[in-house]
Amino acid sequence: MQRLSAEEARSHLDNLPGWQIEAGVLVKTFQFKDFRAALHFVNQVGEAAEAVGHHPDIDIRYNRVRLALVTHDAGGLTVKDFDQASRAEKLAR
């Protein structure tokens, strides 16, 4: 998978509200009504990640879930990261 340039990566953010690039990693914190809703989201993200073989770093803090995406094999952000972020957005709705 081809690593995106910084400009290419930034252009992908237009379709992902709330997502940011921090130190070369695509990140967003989602907030839910409670722990159970946050955990449900994490489980859905996990299933989606397994299906495509691309796994985010996940941090759960009660009703907040932080996802961090980067394609380690490519040494940076790739289209895979933005596709996975898009999947997470759909699951969060």
N, C-alpha and C. Protein backbone atom coordinates (compact mmCIF):
# COMPACT_ATOMS: atom_id res chain seq x y z
N MET A 1 0.85 -1.18 0.00
CA MET A 1 0.00 0.00 0.00
C MET A 1 0.89 1.23 0.00
N GLN A 2 0.57 2.17 -0.85
CA GLN A 2 1.34 3.41 -1.03
C GLN A 2 1.04 4.41 0.08
N ARG A 3 2.08 4.91 0.69
CA ARG A 3 1.95 5.95 1.73
C ARG A 3 1.50 7.26 1.06
N LEU A 4 0.58 7.97 1.71
CA LEU A 4 0.09 9.24 1.19
C LEU A 4 1.03 10.37 1.58
N SER A 5 1.13 11.36 0.71
CA SER A 5 1.87 12.56 1.07
C SER A 5 1.06 13.32 2.11
N ALA A 6 1.67 14.26 2.79
CA ALA A 6 0.96 15.06 3.80
C ALA A 6 -0.22 15.79 3.17
N GLU A 7 -0.02 16.31 1.98
CA GLU A 7 -1.11 17.03 1.28
C GLU A 7 -2.24 16.08 0.91
N GLU A 8 -1.91 14.90 0.40
CA GLU A 8 -2.94 13.91 0.05
C GLU A 8 -3.73 13.50 1.29
N ALA A 9 -3.03 13.28 2.39
CA ALA A 9 -3.69 12.89 3.63
C ALA A 9 -4.64 13.98 4.10
N ARG A 10 -4.19 15.21 4.09
CA ARG A 10 -5.05 16.33 4.51
C ARG A 10 -6.30 16.44 3.65
N SER A 11 -6.17 16.16 2.35
CA SER A 11 -7.33 16.25 1.46
C SER A 11 -8.39 15.21 1.81
N HIS A 12 -7.99 14.08 2.35
CA HIS A 12 -8.95 13.04 2.75
C HIS A 12 -9.74 13.44 4.00
N LEU A 13 -9.23 14.38 4.77
CA LEU A 13 -9.93 14.82 5.99
C LEU A 13 -11.24 15.54 5.69
N ASP A 14 -11.38 16.08 4.48
CA ASP A 14 -12.58 16.82 4.12
C ASP A 14 -13.85 15.99 4.32
N ASN A 15 -13.77 14.68 4.13
CA ASN A 15 -14.93 13.81 4.24
C ASN A 15 -15.05 13.15 5.61
N LEU A 16 -14.20 13.54 6.55
CA LEU A 16 -14.18 12.91 7.87
C LEU A 16 -14.23 13.96 8.98
N PRO A 17 -15.40 14.49 9.28
CA PRO A 17 -15.51 15.53 10.29
C PRO A 17 -15.02 15.05 11.66
N GLY A 18 -14.24 15.90 12.30
CA GLY A 18 -13.74 15.59 13.63
C GLY A 18 -12.45 14.81 13.67
N TRP A 19 -12.03 14.26 12.55
CA TRP A 19 -10.78 13.52 12.49
C TRP A 19 -9.63 14.50 12.30
N GLN A 20 -8.49 14.16 12.88
CA GLN A 20 -7.29 14.99 12.77
C GLN A 20 -6.08 14.11 12.52
N ILE A 21 -5.05 14.73 12.01
CA ILE A 21 -3.77 14.04 11.88
C ILE A 21 -2.85 14.60 12.95
N GLU A 22 -2.43 13.73 13.87
CA GLU A 22 -1.55 14.12 14.96
C GLU A 22 -0.29 13.26 14.89
N ALA A 23 0.84 13.90 14.68
CA ALA A 23 2.12 13.20 14.61
C ALA A 23 2.07 12.04 13.61
N GLY A 24 1.42 12.29 12.47
CA GLY A 24 1.37 11.29 11.40
C GLY A 24 0.35 10.19 11.60
N VAL A 25 -0.53 10.34 12.58
CA VAL A 25 -1.55 9.33 12.88
C VAL A 25 -2.93 9.97 12.76
N LEU A 26 -3.86 9.25 12.15
CA LEU A 26 -5.24 9.71 11.99
C LEU A 26 -6.01 9.38 13.26
N VAL A 27 -6.58 10.39 13.92
CA VAL A 27 -7.22 10.17 15.22
C VAL A 27 -8.56 10.88 15.34
N LYS A 28 -9.41 10.28 16.18
CA LYS A 28 -10.67 10.93 16.55
C LYS A 28 -11.14 10.32 17.86
N THR A 29 -11.75 11.15 18.70
CA THR A 29 -12.39 10.68 19.91
C THR A 29 -13.90 10.79 19.73
N PHE A 30 -14.58 9.67 19.92
CA PHE A 30 -16.03 9.60 19.84
C PHE A 30 -16.59 9.61 21.25
N GLN A 31 -17.75 10.23 21.44
CA GLN A 31 -18.38 10.24 22.75
C GLN A 31 -19.76 9.60 22.64
N PHE A 32 -20.08 8.75 23.61
CA PHE A 32 -21.34 8.03 23.64
C PHE A 32 -22.08 8.31 24.95
N LYS A 33 -23.31 7.85 25.05
CA LYS A 33 -24.11 8.15 26.24
C LYS A 33 -23.60 7.45 27.49
N ASP A 34 -22.97 6.28 27.33
CA ASP A 34 -22.47 5.55 28.50
C ASP A 34 -21.43 4.51 28.06
N PHE A 35 -20.92 3.78 29.04
CA PHE A 35 -19.89 2.78 28.78
C PHE A 35 -20.40 1.68 27.86
N ARG A 36 -21.61 1.24 28.10
CA ARG A 36 -22.18 0.16 27.28
C ARG A 36 -22.23 0.54 25.79
N ALA A 37 -22.64 1.77 25.50
CA ALA A 37 -22.71 2.24 24.11
C ALA A 37 -21.30 2.35 23.52
N ALA A 38 -20.36 2.81 24.32
CA ALA A 38 -18.97 2.92 23.85
C ALA A 38 -18.41 1.53 23.55
N LEU A 39 -18.68 0.58 24.42
CA LEU A 39 -18.19 -0.78 24.22
C LEU A 39 -18.82 -1.43 22.99
N HIS A 40 -20.10 -1.17 22.78
CA HIS A 40 -20.78 -1.68 21.58
C HIS A 40 -20.08 -1.16 20.32
N PHE A 41 -19.79 0.13 20.31
CA PHE A 41 -19.08 0.73 19.18
C PHE A 41 -17.71 0.06 18.97
N VAL A 42 -16.97 -0.12 20.05
CA VAL A 42 -15.65 -0.75 19.96
C VAL A 42 -15.76 -2.16 19.37
N ASN A 43 -16.75 -2.91 19.80
CA ASN A 43 -16.93 -4.26 19.27
C ASN A 43 -17.24 -4.23 17.78
N GLN A 44 -18.06 -3.28 17.35
CA GLN A 44 -18.36 -3.15 15.92
C GLN A 44 -17.12 -2.76 15.13
N VAL A 45 -16.35 -1.83 15.65
CA VAL A 45 -15.10 -1.42 14.99
C VAL A 45 -14.15 -2.61 14.90
N GLY A 46 -14.08 -3.39 15.97
CA GLY A 46 -13.22 -4.57 15.96
C GLY A 46 -13.62 -5.58 14.90
N GLU A 47 -14.91 -5.83 14.76
CA GLU A 47 -15.38 -6.75 13.72
C GLU A 47 -15.04 -6.23 12.33
N ALA A 48 -15.26 -4.94 12.11
CA ALA A 48 -14.95 -4.34 10.81
C ALA A 48 -13.45 -4.42 10.53
N ALA A 49 -12.64 -4.19 11.55
CA ALA A 49 -11.19 -4.24 11.40
C ALA A 49 -10.72 -5.65 11.05
N GLU A 50 -11.29 -6.64 11.71
CA GLU A 50 -10.94 -8.03 11.42
C GLU A 50 -11.30 -8.39 9.98
N ALA A 51 -12.45 -7.91 9.53
CA ALA A 51 -12.92 -8.23 8.18
C ALA A 51 -11.96 -7.75 7.09
N VAL A 52 -11.31 -6.61 7.33
CA VAL A 52 -10.41 -6.05 6.31
C VAL A 52 -8.94 -6.19 6.67
N GLY A 53 -8.65 -6.71 7.87
CA GLY A 53 -7.26 -6.91 8.28
C GLY A 53 -6.50 -5.63 8.52
N HIS A 54 -7.20 -4.61 9.03
CA HIS A 54 -6.54 -3.33 9.32
C HIS A 54 -7.10 -2.82 10.65
N HIS A 55 -6.24 -2.79 11.68
CA HIS A 55 -6.70 -2.60 13.05
C HIS A 55 -6.26 -1.26 13.63
N PRO A 56 -7.20 -0.52 14.20
CA PRO A 56 -6.86 0.75 14.86
C PRO A 56 -6.35 0.50 16.27
N ASP A 57 -5.65 1.47 16.80
CA ASP A 57 -5.37 1.49 18.24
C ASP A 57 -6.63 2.07 18.86
N ILE A 58 -7.10 1.45 19.94
CA ILE A 58 -8.36 1.85 20.57
C ILE A 58 -8.11 2.13 22.04
N ASP A 59 -8.60 3.28 22.49
CA ASP A 59 -8.51 3.67 23.89
C ASP A 59 -9.93 3.98 24.37
N ILE A 60 -10.40 3.25 25.39
CA ILE A 60 -11.75 3.45 25.93
C ILE A 60 -11.62 4.12 27.29
N ARG A 61 -12.35 5.22 27.47
CA ARG A 61 -12.43 5.94 28.75
C ARG A 61 -13.90 6.18 29.05
N TYR A 62 -14.51 5.26 29.75
CA TYR A 62 -15.92 5.25 30.10
C TYR A 62 -16.80 5.44 28.85
N ASN A 63 -17.20 6.68 28.52
CA ASN A 63 -18.09 6.87 27.38
C ASN A 63 -17.37 7.49 26.17
N ARG A 64 -16.04 7.54 26.24
CA ARG A 64 -15.25 8.09 25.13
C ARG A 64 -14.36 7.00 24.55
N VAL A 65 -14.29 6.99 23.22
CA VAL A 65 -13.45 6.03 22.51
C VAL A 65 -12.56 6.80 21.56
N ARG A 66 -11.26 6.63 21.72
CA ARG A 66 -10.30 7.27 20.81
C ARG A 66 -9.77 6.20 19.87
N LEU A 67 -9.91 6.46 18.57
CA LEU A 67 -9.34 5.59 17.55
C LEU A 67 -8.13 6.27 16.95
N ALA A 68 -7.09 5.51 16.71
CA ALA A 68 -5.87 6.01 16.07
C ALA A 68 -5.50 5.03 14.96
N LEU A 69 -5.32 5.57 13.77
CA LEU A 69 -5.04 4.75 12.59
C LEU A 69 -3.75 5.17 11.90
N VAL A 70 -2.95 4.19 11.53
CA VAL A 70 -1.76 4.41 10.72
C VAL A 70 -1.39 3.05 10.13
N THR A 71 -0.88 3.05 8.92
CA THR A 71 -0.46 1.81 8.28
C THR A 71 1.03 1.62 8.55
N HIS A 72 1.34 0.84 9.57
CA HIS A 72 2.72 0.67 10.00
C HIS A 72 3.61 0.12 8.88
N ASP A 73 3.09 -0.84 8.10
CA ASP A 73 3.88 -1.43 7.02
C ASP A 73 4.31 -0.41 5.98
N ALA A 74 3.50 0.63 5.78
CA ALA A 74 3.81 1.67 4.78
C ALA A 74 4.59 2.82 5.41
N GLY A 75 4.69 2.83 6.72
CA GLY A 75 5.42 3.90 7.40
C GLY A 75 4.66 5.21 7.45
N GLY A 76 3.34 5.15 7.43
CA GLY A 76 2.54 6.37 7.49
C GLY A 76 1.10 6.11 7.10
N LEU A 77 0.40 7.17 6.78
CA LEU A 77 -1.01 7.07 6.43
C LEU A 77 -1.19 6.59 5.00
N THR A 78 -2.19 5.73 4.81
CA THR A 78 -2.55 5.24 3.49
C THR A 78 -4.07 5.35 3.33
N VAL A 79 -4.55 5.02 2.17
CA VAL A 79 -5.98 5.02 1.90
C VAL A 79 -6.69 4.07 2.87
N LYS A 80 -6.03 2.98 3.27
CA LYS A 80 -6.62 2.03 4.22
C LYS A 80 -7.07 2.74 5.51
N ASP A 81 -6.26 3.66 5.98
CA ASP A 81 -6.58 4.36 7.23
C ASP A 81 -7.84 5.20 7.07
N PHE A 82 -7.95 5.89 5.97
CA PHE A 82 -9.11 6.74 5.73
C PHE A 82 -10.37 5.91 5.47
N ASP A 83 -10.20 4.76 4.81
CA ASP A 83 -11.33 3.86 4.61
C ASP A 83 -11.83 3.33 5.95
N GLN A 84 -10.89 2.97 6.84
CA GLN A 84 -11.28 2.45 8.14
C GLN A 84 -11.95 3.55 8.98
N ALA A 85 -11.46 4.77 8.88
CA ALA A 85 -12.08 5.90 9.58
C ALA A 85 -13.51 6.11 9.08
N SER A 86 -13.71 5.99 7.80
CA SER A 86 -15.05 6.14 7.21
C SER A 86 -15.99 5.06 7.74
N ARG A 87 -15.50 3.83 7.85
CA ARG A 87 -16.30 2.75 8.42
C ARG A 87 -16.70 3.07 9.85
N ALA A 88 -15.74 3.57 10.63
CA ALA A 88 -16.01 3.91 12.03
C ALA A 88 -17.08 4.99 12.11
N GLU A 89 -17.01 5.98 11.23
CA GLU A 89 -18.02 7.04 11.22
C GLU A 89 -19.41 6.46 11.01
N LYS A 90 -19.54 5.54 10.08
CA LYS A 90 -20.85 4.93 9.82
C LYS A 90 -21.33 4.13 11.01
N LEU A 91 -20.42 3.45 11.69
CA LEU A 91 -20.80 2.64 12.85
C LEU A 91 -21.20 3.51 14.05
N ALA A 92 -20.66 4.70 14.12
CA ALA A 92 -20.94 5.59 15.25
C ALA A 92 -22.31 6.23 15.16
N ARG A 93 -22.94 6.17 14.02
CA ARG A 93 -24.26 6.81 13.83
C ARG A 93 -25.36 6.03 14.48
